[in-house]
């Protein structure tokens, strides 16, 4: 009888330790997951705050310039990069507030052109333009046209910027040809989203270099 009690006692102790171990393991697994999810929420909150701050500043700069220079409707506009700027590069969802600022610019007489690095991988099918236009429209973003790369190697945006400002779209792929206008602001998420700037040169220059003087005035860098 005493031997039976001993086995029961030992069995209960072992079972208790296994339960405790399982709880400990479960807790260790759950904690990093919760921390990871909280970290994602935290990062998104930071991103929303940054977008609100930058886009609010940009809009004030734009409207002030329009008023001071008495710019007429459709005589001025802005250029946005697409992936990483208007759209989150991973989810392809619109970034915070981009629908609001693009529509406010349009409502105040400005044009909005999107200069993208997207290109047609299948030269026999031109639906990529239509699909991209529909994607942007469904995101609630207001715009006049989208300029595309001609191919994978067409990475220089400067000819596209020139086409938008001049209205000369020779050798440029676009969803719609517009007359030229005064581009008073650029929005991007990397250095090459802005005119005549190169990553390898920019990173070597000090912050007070003239290359950076337009940031916060007519160049607005957004977090990816």
Foldseek 3Di string as FASTA:
>chain_A
DVVVVVVVVVVVVVVVVVVVVVVVVVVVVVVVVVVVVVVVVVVLVVQLVQCVVQLVLQLVLVVVVCVVVVDAAPQEAAEEEQDQWQADVPPRAGGHPQLVSQVVCVVVRHAYEYEYADEDPDPVDPCVQVVVVVSCVVNNHDHDKYWYAHDNPRPQCQVVVVCQQCQDQVVTDMPDRDHHHHHQAYEEADQRSDPPGDDVVVVPDDCPDPVNPCDSNRYDHHHD
